[in-house]
């Protein structure tokens, strides 16, 4: 979120079992711009 103004690809690398946790946290309103883009 702090680095969103850079034209970069961003990845969270984790065990497949954590994917649901990723999507739940990515849904927070504070990450709306990252999510919408």
ModelCIF file with pLDDT and N, C-alpha, C, O atoms, coordinates in Angstrom:
data_MODEL
#
_entry.id   MODEL 
#
_entity.id                         1 
_entity.type                       polymer 
_entity.pdbx_number_of_molecules   1 
#
_entity_poly.entity_id                      1 
_entity_poly.type                           'polypeptide(L)' 
_entity_poly.nstd_linkage                   no 
_entity_poly.nstd_monomer                   no 
_entity_poly.pdbx_seq_one_letter_code       
;(UNK)(UNK)(UNK)(UNK)(UNK)(UNK)(UNK)(UNK)(UNK)(UNK)(UNK)(UNK)(UNK)(UNK)(UNK)(UNK)
(UNK)(UNK)(UNK)(UNK)(UNK)(UNK)(UNK)(UNK)(UNK)(UNK)(UNK)(UNK)(UNK)(UNK)(UNK)(UNK)
(UNK)(UNK)(UNK)(UNK)(UNK)
;
_entity_poly.pdbx_seq_one_letter_code_can   XXXXXXXXXXXXXXXXXXXXXXXXXXXXXXXXXXXXX 
_entity_poly.pdbx_strand_id                 A 
#
loop_
_entity_poly_seq.entity_id 
_entity_poly_seq.num 
_entity_poly_seq.mon_id 
_entity_poly_seq.hetero 
1 1  UNK n 
1 2  UNK n 
1 3  UNK n 
1 4  UNK n 
1 5  UNK n 
1 6  UNK n 
1 7  UNK n 
1 8  UNK n 
1 9  UNK n 
1 10 UNK n 
1 11 UNK n 
1 12 UNK n 
1 13 UNK n 
1 14 UNK n 
1 15 UNK n 
1 16 UNK n 
1 17 UNK n 
1 18 UNK n 
1 19 UNK n 
1 20 UNK n 
1 21 UNK n 
1 22 UNK n 
1 23 UNK n 
1 24 UNK n 
1 25 UNK n 
1 26 UNK n 
1 27 UNK n 
1 28 UNK n 
1 29 UNK n 
1 30 UNK n 
1 31 UNK n 
1 32 UNK n 
1 33 UNK n 
1 34 UNK n 
1 35 UNK n 
1 36 UNK n 
1 37 UNK n 
#
_struct_asym.id          A 
_struct_asym.entity_id   1 
#
loop_
_ma_qa_metric.id 
_ma_qa_metric.mode 
_ma_qa_metric.name 
_ma_qa_metric.software_group_id 
_ma_qa_metric.type 
1 global pLDDT . pLDDT 
2 local  pLDDT . pLDDT 
#
_ma_qa_metric_global.metric_id      1 
_ma_qa_metric_global.metric_value   96.51 
_ma_qa_metric_global.model_id       1 
_ma_qa_metric_global.ordinal_id     1 
#
loop_
_ma_qa_metric_local.label_asym_id 
_ma_qa_metric_local.label_comp_id 
_ma_qa_metric_local.label_seq_id 
_ma_qa_metric_local.metric_id 
_ma_qa_metric_local.metric_value 
_ma_qa_metric_local.model_id 
_ma_qa_metric_local.ordinal_id 
A UNK 1  2 97.00 1 1  
A UNK 2  2 96.00 1 2  
A UNK 3  2 96.00 1 3  
A UNK 4  2 96.00 1 4  
A UNK 5  2 95.00 1 5  
A UNK 6  2 94.00 1 6  
A UNK 7  2 93.00 1 7  
A UNK 8  2 96.00 1 8  
A UNK 9  2 96.00 1 9  
A UNK 10 2 98.00 1 10 
A UNK 11 2 98.00 1 11 
A UNK 12 2 98.00 1 12 
A UNK 13 2 97.00 1 13 
A UNK 14 2 97.00 1 14 
A UNK 15 2 97.00 1 15 
A UNK 16 2 97.00 1 16 
A UNK 17 2 97.00 1 17 
A UNK 18 2 97.00 1 18 
A UNK 19 2 97.00 1 19 
A UNK 20 2 97.00 1 20 
A UNK 21 2 97.00 1 21 
A UNK 22 2 98.00 1 22 
A UNK 23 2 97.00 1 23 
A UNK 24 2 97.00 1 24 
A UNK 25 2 97.00 1 25 
A UNK 26 2 97.00 1 26 
A UNK 27 2 96.00 1 27 
A UNK 28 2 97.00 1 28 
A UNK 29 2 97.00 1 29 
A UNK 30 2 96.00 1 30 
A UNK 31 2 97.00 1 31 
A UNK 32 2 96.00 1 32 
A UNK 33 2 96.00 1 33 
A UNK 34 2 97.00 1 34 
A UNK 35 2 96.00 1 35 
A UNK 36 2 95.00 1 36 
A UNK 37 2 96.00 1 37 
#
loop_
_atom_site.group_PDB 
_atom_site.id 
_atom_site.type_symbol 
_atom_site.label_atom_id 
_atom_site.label_alt_id 
_atom_site.label_comp_id 
_atom_site.label_asym_id 
_atom_site.label_entity_id 
_atom_site.label_seq_id 
_atom_site.pdbx_PDB_ins_code 
_atom_site.Cartn_x 
_atom_site.Cartn_y 
_atom_site.Cartn_z 
_atom_site.occupancy 
_atom_site.B_iso_or_equiv 
_atom_site.pdbx_formal_charge 
_atom_site.auth_seq_id 
_atom_site.auth_comp_id 
_atom_site.auth_asym_id 
_atom_site.auth_atom_id 
_atom_site.pdbx_PDB_model_num 
ATOM 1   N N  . UNK A 1 1  ? 0.835   -1.196  0.000   1.00 97.00 ? 1  UNK A N  1 
ATOM 2   C CA . UNK A 1 1  ? 0.000   0.000   0.000   1.00 97.00 ? 1  UNK A CA 1 
ATOM 3   C C  . UNK A 1 1  ? 0.876   1.256   0.000   1.00 97.00 ? 1  UNK A C  1 
ATOM 4   O O  . UNK A 1 1  ? 0.596   2.218   -0.716  1.00 97.00 ? 1  UNK A O  1 
ATOM 5   N N  . UNK A 1 2  ? 1.925   1.237   0.799   1.00 96.00 ? 2  UNK A N  1 
ATOM 6   C CA . UNK A 1 2  ? 2.850   2.372   0.867   1.00 96.00 ? 2  UNK A CA 1 
ATOM 7   C C  . UNK A 1 2  ? 3.598   2.586   -0.452  1.00 96.00 ? 2  UNK A C  1 
ATOM 8   O O  . UNK A 1 2  ? 3.989   3.709   -0.770  1.00 96.00 ? 2  UNK A O  1 
ATOM 9   N N  . UNK A 1 3  ? 3.795   1.516   -1.211  1.00 96.00 ? 3  UNK A N  1 
ATOM 10  C CA . UNK A 1 3  ? 4.589   1.570   -2.443  1.00 96.00 ? 3  UNK A CA 1 
ATOM 11  C C  . UNK A 1 3  ? 3.732   1.494   -3.705  1.00 96.00 ? 3  UNK A C  1 
ATOM 12  O O  . UNK A 1 3  ? 4.249   1.228   -4.790  1.00 96.00 ? 3  UNK A O  1 
ATOM 13  N N  . UNK A 1 4  ? 2.437   1.725   -3.569  1.00 96.00 ? 4  UNK A N  1 
ATOM 14  C CA . UNK A 1 4  ? 1.511   1.527   -4.681  1.00 96.00 ? 4  UNK A CA 1 
ATOM 15  C C  . UNK A 1 4  ? 1.709   2.479   -5.849  1.00 96.00 ? 4  UNK A C  1 
ATOM 16  O O  . UNK A 1 4  ? 1.209   2.209   -6.941  1.00 96.00 ? 4  UNK A O  1 
ATOM 17  N N  . UNK A 1 5  ? 2.416   3.573   -5.657  1.00 95.00 ? 5  UNK A N  1 
ATOM 18  C CA . UNK A 1 5  ? 2.610   4.529   -6.744  1.00 95.00 ? 5  UNK A CA 1 
ATOM 19  C C  . UNK A 1 5  ? 3.683   4.094   -7.739  1.00 95.00 ? 5  UNK A C  1 
ATOM 20  O O  . UNK A 1 5  ? 3.863   4.725   -8.780  1.00 95.00 ? 5  UNK A O  1 
ATOM 21  N N  . UNK A 1 6  ? 4.387   3.025   -7.418  1.00 94.00 ? 6  UNK A N  1 
ATOM 22  C CA . UNK A 1 6  ? 5.371   2.487   -8.353  1.00 94.00 ? 6  UNK A CA 1 
ATOM 23  C C  . UNK A 1 6  ? 4.688   1.484   -9.270  1.00 94.00 ? 6  UNK A C  1 
ATOM 24  O O  . UNK A 1 6  ? 3.832   0.711   -8.841  1.00 94.00 ? 6  UNK A O  1 
ATOM 25  N N  . UNK A 1 7  ? 5.075   1.508   -10.519 1.00 93.00 ? 7  UNK A N  1 
ATOM 26  C CA . UNK A 1 7  ? 4.513   0.577   -11.502 1.00 93.00 ? 7  UNK A CA 1 
ATOM 27  C C  . UNK A 1 7  ? 5.247   -0.763  -11.355 1.00 93.00 ? 7  UNK A C  1 
ATOM 28  O O  . UNK A 1 7  ? 6.171   -1.072  -12.108 1.00 93.00 ? 7  UNK A O  1 
ATOM 29  N N  . UNK A 1 8  ? 4.813   -1.537  -10.374 1.00 96.00 ? 8  UNK A N  1 
ATOM 30  C CA . UNK A 1 8  ? 5.462   -2.812  -10.073 1.00 96.00 ? 8  UNK A CA 1 
ATOM 31  C C  . UNK A 1 8  ? 4.430   -3.920  -9.967  1.00 96.00 ? 8  UNK A C  1 
ATOM 32  O O  . UNK A 1 8  ? 3.254   -3.681  -9.692  1.00 96.00 ? 8  UNK A O  1 
ATOM 33  N N  . UNK A 1 9  ? 4.898   -5.129  -10.191 1.00 96.00 ? 9  UNK A N  1 
ATOM 34  C CA . UNK A 1 9  ? 4.076   -6.298  -9.913  1.00 96.00 ? 9  UNK A CA 1 
ATOM 35  C C  . UNK A 1 9  ? 4.299   -6.634  -8.443  1.00 96.00 ? 9  UNK A C  1 
ATOM 36  O O  . UNK A 1 9  ? 5.421   -6.525  -7.948  1.00 96.00 ? 9  UNK A O  1 
ATOM 37  N N  . UNK A 1 10 ? 3.258   -7.035  -7.750  1.00 98.00 ? 10 UNK A N  1 
ATOM 38  C CA . UNK A 1 10 ? 3.350   -7.323  -6.319  1.00 98.00 ? 10 UNK A CA 1 
ATOM 39  C C  . UNK A 1 10 ? 2.777   -8.702  -6.045  1.00 98.00 ? 10 UNK A C  1 
ATOM 40  O O  . UNK A 1 10 ? 1.672   -9.031  -6.476  1.00 98.00 ? 10 UNK A O  1 
ATOM 41  N N  . UNK A 1 11 ? 3.552   -9.505  -5.318  1.00 98.00 ? 11 UNK A N  1 
ATOM 42  C CA . UNK A 1 11 ? 3.142   -10.880 -5.045  1.00 98.00 ? 11 UNK A CA 1 
ATOM 43  C C  . UNK A 1 11 ? 3.257   -11.205 -3.564  1.00 98.00 ? 11 UNK A C  1 
ATOM 44  O O  . UNK A 1 11 ? 4.196   -10.788 -2.886  1.00 98.00 ? 11 UNK A O  1 
ATOM 45  N N  . UNK A 1 12 ? 2.280   -11.958 -3.083  1.00 98.00 ? 12 UNK A N  1 
ATOM 46  C CA . UNK A 1 12 ? 2.369   -12.608 -1.784  1.00 98.00 ? 12 UNK A CA 1 
ATOM 47  C C  . UNK A 1 12 ? 2.615   -14.082 -2.098  1.00 98.00 ? 12 UNK A C  1 
ATOM 48  O O  . UNK A 1 12 ? 1.799   -14.729 -2.754  1.00 98.00 ? 12 UNK A O  1 
ATOM 49  N N  . UNK A 1 13 ? 3.737   -14.604 -1.627  1.00 97.00 ? 13 UNK A N  1 
ATOM 50  C CA . UNK A 1 13 ? 4.103   -16.000 -1.862  1.00 97.00 ? 13 UNK A CA 1 
ATOM 51  C C  . UNK A 1 13 ? 3.915   -16.739 -0.546  1.00 97.00 ? 13 UNK A C  1 
ATOM 52  O O  . UNK A 1 13 ? 4.494   -16.372 0.477   1.00 97.00 ? 13 UNK A O  1 
ATOM 53  N N  . UNK A 1 14 ? 3.098   -17.785 -0.588  1.00 97.00 ? 14 UNK A N  1 
ATOM 54  C CA . UNK A 1 14 ? 2.794   -18.526 0.644   1.00 97.00 ? 14 UNK A CA 1 
ATOM 55  C C  . UNK A 1 14 ? 2.260   -19.910 0.300   1.00 97.00 ? 14 UNK A C  1 
ATOM 56  O O  . UNK A 1 14 ? 2.015   -20.239 -0.860  1.00 97.00 ? 14 UNK A O  1 
ATOM 57  N N  . UNK A 1 15 ? 2.091   -20.701 1.339   1.00 97.00 ? 15 UNK A N  1 
ATOM 58  C CA . UNK A 1 15 ? 1.479   -22.009 1.190   1.00 97.00 ? 15 UNK A CA 1 
ATOM 59  C C  . UNK A 1 15 ? 0.046   -21.842 0.699   1.00 97.00 ? 15 UNK A C  1 
ATOM 60  O O  . UNK A 1 15 ? -0.638  -20.899 1.096   1.00 97.00 ? 15 UNK A O  1 
ATOM 61  N N  . UNK A 1 16 ? -0.404  -22.733 -0.145  1.00 97.00 ? 16 UNK A N  1 
ATOM 62  C CA . UNK A 1 16 ? -1.768  -22.687 -0.698  1.00 97.00 ? 16 UNK A CA 1 
ATOM 63  C C  . UNK A 1 16 ? -2.823  -22.588 0.405   1.00 97.00 ? 16 UNK A C  1 
ATOM 64  O O  . UNK A 1 16 ? -3.875  -21.982 0.206   1.00 97.00 ? 16 UNK A O  1 
ATOM 65  N N  . UNK A 1 17 ? -2.541  -23.182 1.563   1.00 97.00 ? 17 UNK A N  1 
ATOM 66  C CA . UNK A 1 17 ? -3.502  -23.146 2.672   1.00 97.00 ? 17 UNK A CA 1 
ATOM 67  C C  . UNK A 1 17 ? -3.727  -21.731 3.197   1.00 97.00 ? 17 UNK A C  1 
ATOM 68  O O  . UNK A 1 17 ? -4.698  -21.497 3.917   1.00 97.00 ? 17 UNK A O  1 
ATOM 69  N N  . UNK A 1 18 ? -2.857  -20.784 2.856   1.00 97.00 ? 18 UNK A N  1 
ATOM 70  C CA . UNK A 1 18 ? -3.021  -19.409 3.336   1.00 97.00 ? 18 UNK A CA 1 
ATOM 71  C C  . UNK A 1 18 ? -3.715  -18.503 2.333   1.00 97.00 ? 18 UNK A C  1 
ATOM 72  O O  . UNK A 1 18 ? -3.877  -17.310 2.587   1.00 97.00 ? 18 UNK A O  1 
ATOM 73  N N  . UNK A 1 19 ? -4.122  -19.049 1.208   1.00 97.00 ? 19 UNK A N  1 
ATOM 74  C CA . UNK A 1 19 ? -4.745  -18.212 0.173   1.00 97.00 ? 19 UNK A CA 1 
ATOM 75  C C  . UNK A 1 19 ? -6.045  -17.569 0.662   1.00 97.00 ? 19 UNK A C  1 
ATOM 76  O O  . UNK A 1 19 ? -6.286  -16.392 0.392   1.00 97.00 ? 19 UNK A O  1 
ATOM 77  N N  . UNK A 1 20 ? -6.874  -18.314 1.367   1.00 97.00 ? 20 UNK A N  1 
ATOM 78  C CA . UNK A 1 20 ? -8.116  -17.744 1.886   1.00 97.00 ? 20 UNK A CA 1 
ATOM 79  C C  . UNK A 1 20 ? -7.819  -16.597 2.856   1.00 97.00 ? 20 UNK A C  1 
ATOM 80  O O  . UNK A 1 20 ? -8.491  -15.567 2.830   1.00 97.00 ? 20 UNK A O  1 
ATOM 81  N N  . UNK A 1 21 ? -6.819  -16.780 3.703   1.00 97.00 ? 21 UNK A N  1 
ATOM 82  C CA . UNK A 1 21 ? -6.405  -15.714 4.625   1.00 97.00 ? 21 UNK A CA 1 
ATOM 83  C C  . UNK A 1 21 ? -5.987  -14.473 3.835   1.00 97.00 ? 21 UNK A C  1 
ATOM 84  O O  . UNK A 1 21 ? -6.348  -13.354 4.200   1.00 97.00 ? 21 UNK A O  1 
ATOM 85  N N  . UNK A 1 22 ? -5.224  -14.670 2.753   1.00 98.00 ? 22 UNK A N  1 
ATOM 86  C CA . UNK A 1 22 ? -4.818  -13.552 1.900   1.00 98.00 ? 22 UNK A CA 1 
ATOM 87  C C  . UNK A 1 22 ? -6.037  -12.792 1.392   1.00 98.00 ? 22 UNK A C  1 
ATOM 88  O O  . UNK A 1 22 ? -6.106  -11.570 1.520   1.00 98.00 ? 22 UNK A O  1 
ATOM 89  N N  . UNK A 1 23 ? -7.006  -13.515 0.813   1.00 97.00 ? 23 UNK A N  1 
ATOM 90  C CA . UNK A 1 23 ? -8.179  -12.849 0.236   1.00 97.00 ? 23 UNK A CA 1 
ATOM 91  C C  . UNK A 1 23 ? -9.007  -12.148 1.311   1.00 97.00 ? 23 UNK A C  1 
ATOM 92  O O  . UNK A 1 23 ? -9.562  -11.079 1.055   1.00 97.00 ? 23 UNK A O  1 
ATOM 93  N N  . UNK A 1 24 ? -9.099  -12.723 2.496   1.00 97.00 ? 24 UNK A N  1 
ATOM 94  C CA . UNK A 1 24 ? -9.832  -12.077 3.590   1.00 97.00 ? 24 UNK A CA 1 
ATOM 95  C C  . UNK A 1 24 ? -9.166  -10.769 4.004   1.00 97.00 ? 24 UNK A C  1 
ATOM 96  O O  . UNK A 1 24 ? -9.850  -9.771  4.232   1.00 97.00 ? 24 UNK A O  1 
ATOM 97  N N  . UNK A 1 25 ? -7.858  -10.766 4.100   1.00 97.00 ? 25 UNK A N  1 
ATOM 98  C CA . UNK A 1 25 ? -7.148  -9.546  4.503   1.00 97.00 ? 25 UNK A CA 1 
ATOM 99  C C  . UNK A 1 25 ? -7.084  -8.531  3.370   1.00 97.00 ? 25 UNK A C  1 
ATOM 100 O O  . UNK A 1 25 ? -7.140  -7.324  3.604   1.00 97.00 ? 25 UNK A O  1 
ATOM 101 N N  . UNK A 1 26 ? -6.967  -9.023  2.147   1.00 97.00 ? 26 UNK A N  1 
ATOM 102 C CA . UNK A 1 26 ? -6.928  -8.134  0.992   1.00 97.00 ? 26 UNK A CA 1 
ATOM 103 C C  . UNK A 1 26 ? -8.255  -7.407  0.816   1.00 97.00 ? 26 UNK A C  1 
ATOM 104 O O  . UNK A 1 26 ? -8.309  -6.369  0.156   1.00 97.00 ? 26 UNK A O  1 
ATOM 105 N N  . UNK A 1 27 ? -9.312  -7.935  1.391   1.00 96.00 ? 27 UNK A N  1 
ATOM 106 C CA . UNK A 1 27 ? -10.642 -7.317  1.305   1.00 96.00 ? 27 UNK A CA 1 
ATOM 107 C C  . UNK A 1 27 ? -10.802 -6.123  2.246   1.00 96.00 ? 27 UNK A C  1 
ATOM 108 O O  . UNK A 1 27 ? -11.801 -5.410  2.147   1.00 96.00 ? 27 UNK A O  1 
ATOM 109 N N  . UNK A 1 28 ? -9.852  -5.879  3.157   1.00 97.00 ? 28 UNK A N  1 
ATOM 110 C CA . UNK A 1 28 ? -9.941  -4.735  4.070   1.00 97.00 ? 28 UNK A CA 1 
ATOM 111 C C  . UNK A 1 28 ? -10.073 -3.450  3.259   1.00 97.00 ? 28 UNK A C  1 
ATOM 112 O O  . UNK A 1 28 ? -9.469  -3.318  2.195   1.00 97.00 ? 28 UNK A O  1 
ATOM 113 N N  . UNK A 1 29 ? -10.842 -2.529  3.751   1.00 97.00 ? 29 UNK A N  1 
ATOM 114 C CA . UNK A 1 29 ? -11.070 -1.255  3.060   1.00 97.00 ? 29 UNK A CA 1 
ATOM 115 C C  . UNK A 1 29 ? -9.780  -0.485  2.815   1.00 97.00 ? 29 UNK A C  1 
ATOM 116 O O  . UNK A 1 29 ? -9.673  0.233   1.821   1.00 97.00 ? 29 UNK A O  1 
ATOM 117 N N  . UNK A 1 30 ? -8.807  -0.621  3.696   1.00 96.00 ? 30 UNK A N  1 
ATOM 118 C CA . UNK A 1 30 ? -7.548  0.116   3.533   1.00 96.00 ? 30 UNK A CA 1 
ATOM 119 C C  . UNK A 1 30 ? -6.770  -0.320  2.296   1.00 96.00 ? 30 UNK A C  1 
ATOM 120 O O  . UNK A 1 30 ? -5.873  0.397   1.852   1.00 96.00 ? 30 UNK A O  1 
ATOM 121 N N  . UNK A 1 31 ? -7.099  -1.494  1.727   1.00 97.00 ? 31 UNK A N  1 
ATOM 122 C CA . UNK A 1 31 ? -6.404  -1.985  0.538   1.00 97.00 ? 31 UNK A CA 1 
ATOM 123 C C  . UNK A 1 31 ? -7.270  -1.888  -0.715  1.00 97.00 ? 31 UNK A C  1 
ATOM 124 O O  . UNK A 1 31 ? -6.974  -2.524  -1.727  1.00 97.00 ? 31 UNK A O  1 
ATOM 125 N N  . UNK A 1 32 ? -8.337  -1.094  -0.649  1.00 96.00 ? 32 UNK A N  1 
ATOM 126 C CA . UNK A 1 32 ? -9.302  -1.019  -1.747  1.00 96.00 ? 32 UNK A CA 1 
ATOM 127 C C  . UNK A 1 32 ? -8.656  -0.637  -3.076  1.00 96.00 ? 32 UNK A C  1 
ATOM 128 O O  . UNK A 1 32 ? -8.976  -1.228  -4.108  1.00 96.00 ? 32 UNK A O  1 
ATOM 129 N N  . UNK A 1 33 ? -7.754  0.339   -3.067  1.00 96.00 ? 33 UNK A N  1 
ATOM 130 C CA . UNK A 1 33 ? -7.131  0.760   -4.332  1.00 96.00 ? 33 UNK A CA 1 
ATOM 131 C C  . UNK A 1 33 ? -6.275  -0.359  -4.909  1.00 96.00 ? 33 UNK A C  1 
ATOM 132 O O  . UNK A 1 33 ? -6.329  -0.624  -6.110  1.00 96.00 ? 33 UNK A O  1 
ATOM 133 N N  . UNK A 1 34 ? -5.494  -1.013  -4.073  1.00 97.00 ? 34 UNK A N  1 
ATOM 134 C CA . UNK A 1 34 ? -4.688  -2.142  -4.548  1.00 97.00 ? 34 UNK A CA 1 
ATOM 135 C C  . UNK A 1 34 ? -5.580  -3.233  -5.134  1.00 97.00 ? 34 UNK A C  1 
ATOM 136 O O  . UNK A 1 34 ? -5.257  -3.829  -6.161  1.00 97.00 ? 34 UNK A O  1 
ATOM 137 N N  . UNK A 1 35 ? -6.697  -3.483  -4.470  1.00 96.00 ? 35 UNK A N  1 
ATOM 138 C CA . UNK A 1 35 ? -7.613  -4.532  -4.919  1.00 96.00 ? 35 UNK A CA 1 
ATOM 139 C C  . UNK A 1 35 ? -8.311  -4.124  -6.211  1.00 96.00 ? 35 UNK A C  1 
ATOM 140 O O  . UNK A 1 35 ? -8.373  -4.918  -7.149  1.00 96.00 ? 35 UNK A O  1 
ATOM 141 N N  . UNK A 1 36 ? -8.833  -2.908  -6.279  1.00 95.00 ? 36 UNK A N  1 
ATOM 142 C CA . UNK A 1 36 ? -9.582  -2.474  -7.460  1.00 95.00 ? 36 UNK A CA 1 
ATOM 143 C C  . UNK A 1 36 ? -8.694  -2.415  -8.702  1.00 95.00 ? 36 UNK A C  1 
ATOM 144 O O  . UNK A 1 36 ? -9.180  -2.587  -9.820  1.00 95.00 ? 36 UNK A O  1 
ATOM 145 N N  . UNK A 1 37 ? -7.416  -2.178  -8.514  1.00 96.00 ? 37 UNK A N  1 
ATOM 146 C CA . UNK A 1 37 ? -6.471  -2.126  -9.636  1.00 96.00 ? 37 UNK A CA 1 
ATOM 147 C C  . UNK A 1 37 ? -5.776  -3.470  -9.866  1.00 96.00 ? 37 UNK A C  1 
ATOM 148 O O  . UNK A 1 37 ? -4.952  -3.591  -10.773 1.00 96.00 ? 37 UNK A O  1 
#
